[in-house]
Each structure stands twice: as C-alpha cells, then as structure tokens.
Amino acid sequence: MTTVSTSNLAAGEPVLTSDVVGTDFGLPLVRPTRTRQGSRVRVVRSRCRAHGGVVVWFTDGTKTPPLHGRTSWIVAGPEPGAPAAARVVA
C-alpha cells in the first residue's frame, strides 16, 4: 500500500476514505482510513489551509474536517487479485 501525507496530496489522486462521519454546514465529512475493508475511493479535487489544519475537498462534494498536514492517506490502487486493466491500442 502506498501512502501520501495530506500536505503532498495532488488533485486527481484517488485515496481511501471512510463513509460519511458527519456534516459541516450541510457538506458531508469523511476521514482517511487505515484499511481497504469498508472504505470508499474518492478523488481529490483540492486541498486548502484552514484555521486548525488542512481541508481536503473531493470531486463527489465531500470534504474532511481540518487535518494535520502529516495525516497519511492510502492511495487507491488496483484491488489485490483483480485482473489487470485491458489496454486499448488505437
């Protein structure tokens, strides 16, 4: 499993998150997970500094509460044992 810190997350990076754990002004909040089991893949839209930490926004409209920049995320790669994606040559 590859991990990346919050301060090094790039837009477009797929990471594993929890299910929704609450709301903030009506926006669903999620947190990073430590295992693949029970987690969801979300794609990073952006991250920004906020009072108290760094907030990560995802393309599906969810976000994180302010996190410490050293919080680690598991990068979502192919599932173990899954067949390799077929390459199409045009």
C-alpha atoms as a PDB file:
ATOM      1  CA  MET A   1       0.000   0.000   0.000  1.00  0.00           C
ATOM      2  CA  THR A   2       1.275   3.390  -0.949  1.00  0.00           C
ATOM      3  CA  THR A   3       0.622   6.265   1.430  1.00  0.00           C
ATOM      4  CA  VAL A   4       0.898  10.016   0.970  1.00  0.00           C
ATOM      5  CA  SER A   5       0.639  12.816   3.524  1.00  0.00           C
ATOM      6  CA  THR A   6      -2.109  15.420   3.403  1.00  0.00           C
ATOM      7  CA  SER A   7       0.411  18.134   2.565  1.00  0.00           C
ATOM      8  CA  ASN A   8       1.539  16.141  -0.520  1.00  0.00           C
ATOM      9  CA  LEU A   9      -1.893  15.209  -1.913  1.00  0.00           C
ATOM     10  CA  ALA A  10      -2.343  16.184  -5.551  1.00  0.00           C
ATOM     11  CA  ALA A  11      -5.577  16.953  -7.386  1.00  0.00           C
ATOM     12  CA  GLY A  12      -6.853  13.859  -9.174  1.00  0.00           C
ATOM     13  CA  GLU A  13      -5.289  11.442  -6.691  1.00  0.00           C
ATOM     14  CA  PRO A  14      -7.654   8.567  -5.720  1.00  0.00           C
ATOM     15  CA  VAL A  15      -7.482   7.854  -1.970  1.00  0.00           C
ATOM     16  CA  LEU A  16      -9.349   5.656   0.514  1.00  0.00           C
ATOM     17  CA  THR A  17     -11.769   7.353   2.903  1.00  0.00           C
ATOM     18  CA  SER A  18     -14.361   6.434   5.477  1.00  0.00           C
ATOM     19  CA  ASP A  19     -18.089   6.644   4.962  1.00  0.00           C
ATOM     20  CA  VAL A  20     -19.672   9.964   5.917  1.00  0.00           C
ATOM     21  CA  VAL A  21     -18.990  10.691   9.601  1.00  0.00           C
ATOM     22  CA  GLY A  22     -20.885  13.974   9.976  1.00  0.00           C
ATOM     23  CA  THR A  23     -21.673  17.268   8.296  1.00  0.00           C
ATOM     24  CA  ASP A  24     -20.240  20.772   8.243  1.00  0.00           C
ATOM     25  CA  PHE A  25     -22.664  23.444   7.051  1.00  0.00           C
ATOM     26  CA  GLY A  26     -24.550  20.711   5.187  1.00  0.00           C
ATOM     27  CA  LEU A  27     -21.459  19.237   3.492  1.00  0.00           C
ATOM     28  CA  PRO A  28     -20.685  15.584   4.260  1.00  0.00           C
ATOM     29  CA  LEU A  29     -17.449  14.985   6.186  1.00  0.00           C
ATOM     30  CA  VAL A  30     -15.137  11.995   5.650  1.00  0.00           C
ATOM     31  CA  ARG A  31     -11.831  10.905   7.166  1.00  0.00           C
ATOM     32  CA  PRO A  32      -8.858   8.891   5.900  1.00  0.00           C
ATOM     33  CA  THR A  33      -8.986   5.147   6.581  1.00  0.00           C
ATOM     34  CA  ARG A  34      -6.255   2.712   7.524  1.00  0.00           C
ATOM     35  CA  THR A  35      -7.594  -0.373   5.702  1.00  0.00           C
ATOM     36  CA  ARG A  36      -9.267  -1.221   2.397  1.00  0.00           C
ATOM     37  CA  GLN A  37     -12.106  -3.029   4.161  1.00  0.00           C
ATOM     38  CA  GLY A  38     -15.167  -0.810   4.492  1.00  0.00           C
ATOM     39  CA  SER A  39     -13.524   2.149   2.785  1.00  0.00           C
ATOM     40  CA  ARG A  40     -14.506   4.167  -0.275  1.00  0.00           C
ATOM     41  CA  VAL A  41     -12.360   5.514  -3.072  1.00  0.00           C
ATOM     42  CA  ARG A  42     -12.653   9.267  -3.513  1.00  0.00           C
ATOM     43  CA  VAL A  43     -10.748  11.519  -5.912  1.00  0.00           C
ATOM     44  CA  VAL A  44      -9.061  14.630  -4.516  1.00  0.00           C
ATOM     45  CA  ARG A  45     -10.347  17.876  -6.032  1.00  0.00           C
ATOM     46  CA  SER A  46      -8.193  20.244  -3.996  1.00  0.00           C
ATOM     47  CA  ARG A  47      -6.753  20.942  -0.577  1.00  0.00           C
ATOM     48  CA  CYS A  48      -6.512  24.229   1.230  1.00  0.00           C
ATOM     49  CA  ARG A  49      -5.241  25.611   4.504  1.00  0.00           C
ATOM     50  CA  ALA A  50      -7.891  26.373   7.063  1.00  0.00           C
ATOM     51  CA  HIS A  51      -7.846  27.569  10.639  1.00  0.00           C
ATOM     52  CA  GLY A  52      -6.730  24.487  12.504  1.00  0.00           C
ATOM     53  CA  GLY A  53      -5.296  22.419   9.651  1.00  0.00           C
ATOM     54  CA  VAL A  54      -5.699  21.418   6.019  1.00  0.00           C
ATOM     55  CA  VAL A  55      -9.089  20.640   4.470  1.00  0.00           C
ATOM     56  CA  VAL A  56      -9.242  18.185   1.559  1.00  0.00           C
ATOM     57  CA  TRP A  57     -12.119  18.535  -0.917  1.00  0.00           C
ATOM     58  CA  PHE A  58     -13.233  15.604  -3.083  1.00  0.00           C
ATOM     59  CA  THR A  59     -14.909  15.525  -6.505  1.00  0.00           C
ATOM     60  CA  ASP A  60     -18.102  13.967  -5.088  1.00  0.00           C
ATOM     61  CA  GLY A  61     -18.787  17.018  -2.875  1.00  0.00           C
ATOM     62  CA  THR A  62     -17.412  15.632   0.378  1.00  0.00           C
ATOM     63  CA  LYS A  63     -14.611  17.128   2.438  1.00  0.00           C
ATOM     64  CA  THR A  64     -12.557  16.462   5.549  1.00  0.00           C
ATOM     65  CA  PRO A  65     -12.542  18.348   8.808  1.00  0.00           C
ATOM     66  CA  PRO A  66      -9.284  20.305   9.293  1.00  0.00           C
ATOM     67  CA  LEU A  67      -6.451  17.739   9.433  1.00  0.00           C
ATOM     68  CA  HIS A  68      -2.816  17.906  10.407  1.00  0.00           C
ATOM     69  CA  GLY A  69      -0.551  18.046   7.320  1.00  0.00           C
ATOM     70  CA  ARG A  70       1.185  14.820   8.330  1.00  0.00           C
ATOM     71  CA  THR A  71      -2.012  12.754   8.313  1.00  0.00           C
ATOM     72  CA  SER A  72      -1.425   9.905   5.867  1.00  0.00           C
ATOM     73  CA  TRP A  73      -3.773   8.677   3.138  1.00  0.00           C
ATOM     74  CA  ILE A  74      -3.743   5.303   1.397  1.00  0.00           C
ATOM     75  CA  VAL A  75      -3.548   5.759  -2.367  1.00  0.00           C
ATOM     76  CA  ALA A  76      -6.224   3.639  -4.053  1.00  0.00           C
ATOM     77  CA  GLY A  77      -4.517   1.336  -6.496  1.00  0.00           C
ATOM     78  CA  PRO A  78      -5.880  -1.761  -8.187  1.00  0.00           C
ATOM     79  CA  GLU A  79      -7.534  -4.272  -5.883  1.00  0.00           C
ATOM     80  CA  PRO A  80      -5.241  -7.152  -4.883  1.00  0.00           C
ATOM     81  CA  GLY A  81      -6.038 -10.155  -7.080  1.00  0.00           C
ATOM     82  CA  ALA A  82      -8.054  -8.075  -9.547  1.00  0.00           C
ATOM     83  CA  PRO A  83      -7.369  -8.622 -13.245  1.00  0.00           C
ATOM     84  CA  ALA A  84      -5.166  -6.026 -14.907  1.00  0.00           C
ATOM     85  CA  ALA A  85      -6.979  -3.345 -16.885  1.00  0.00           C
ATOM     86  CA  ALA A  86      -7.071  -4.029 -20.592  1.00  0.00           C
ATOM     87  CA  ARG A  87      -5.033  -1.658 -22.704  1.00  0.00           C
ATOM     88  CA  VAL A  88      -6.632  -0.469 -25.921  1.00  0.00           C
ATOM     89  CA  VAL A  89      -4.269   0.451 -28.709  1.00  0.00           C
ATOM     90  CA  ALA A  90      -5.756   2.867 -31.207  1.00  0.00           C
END
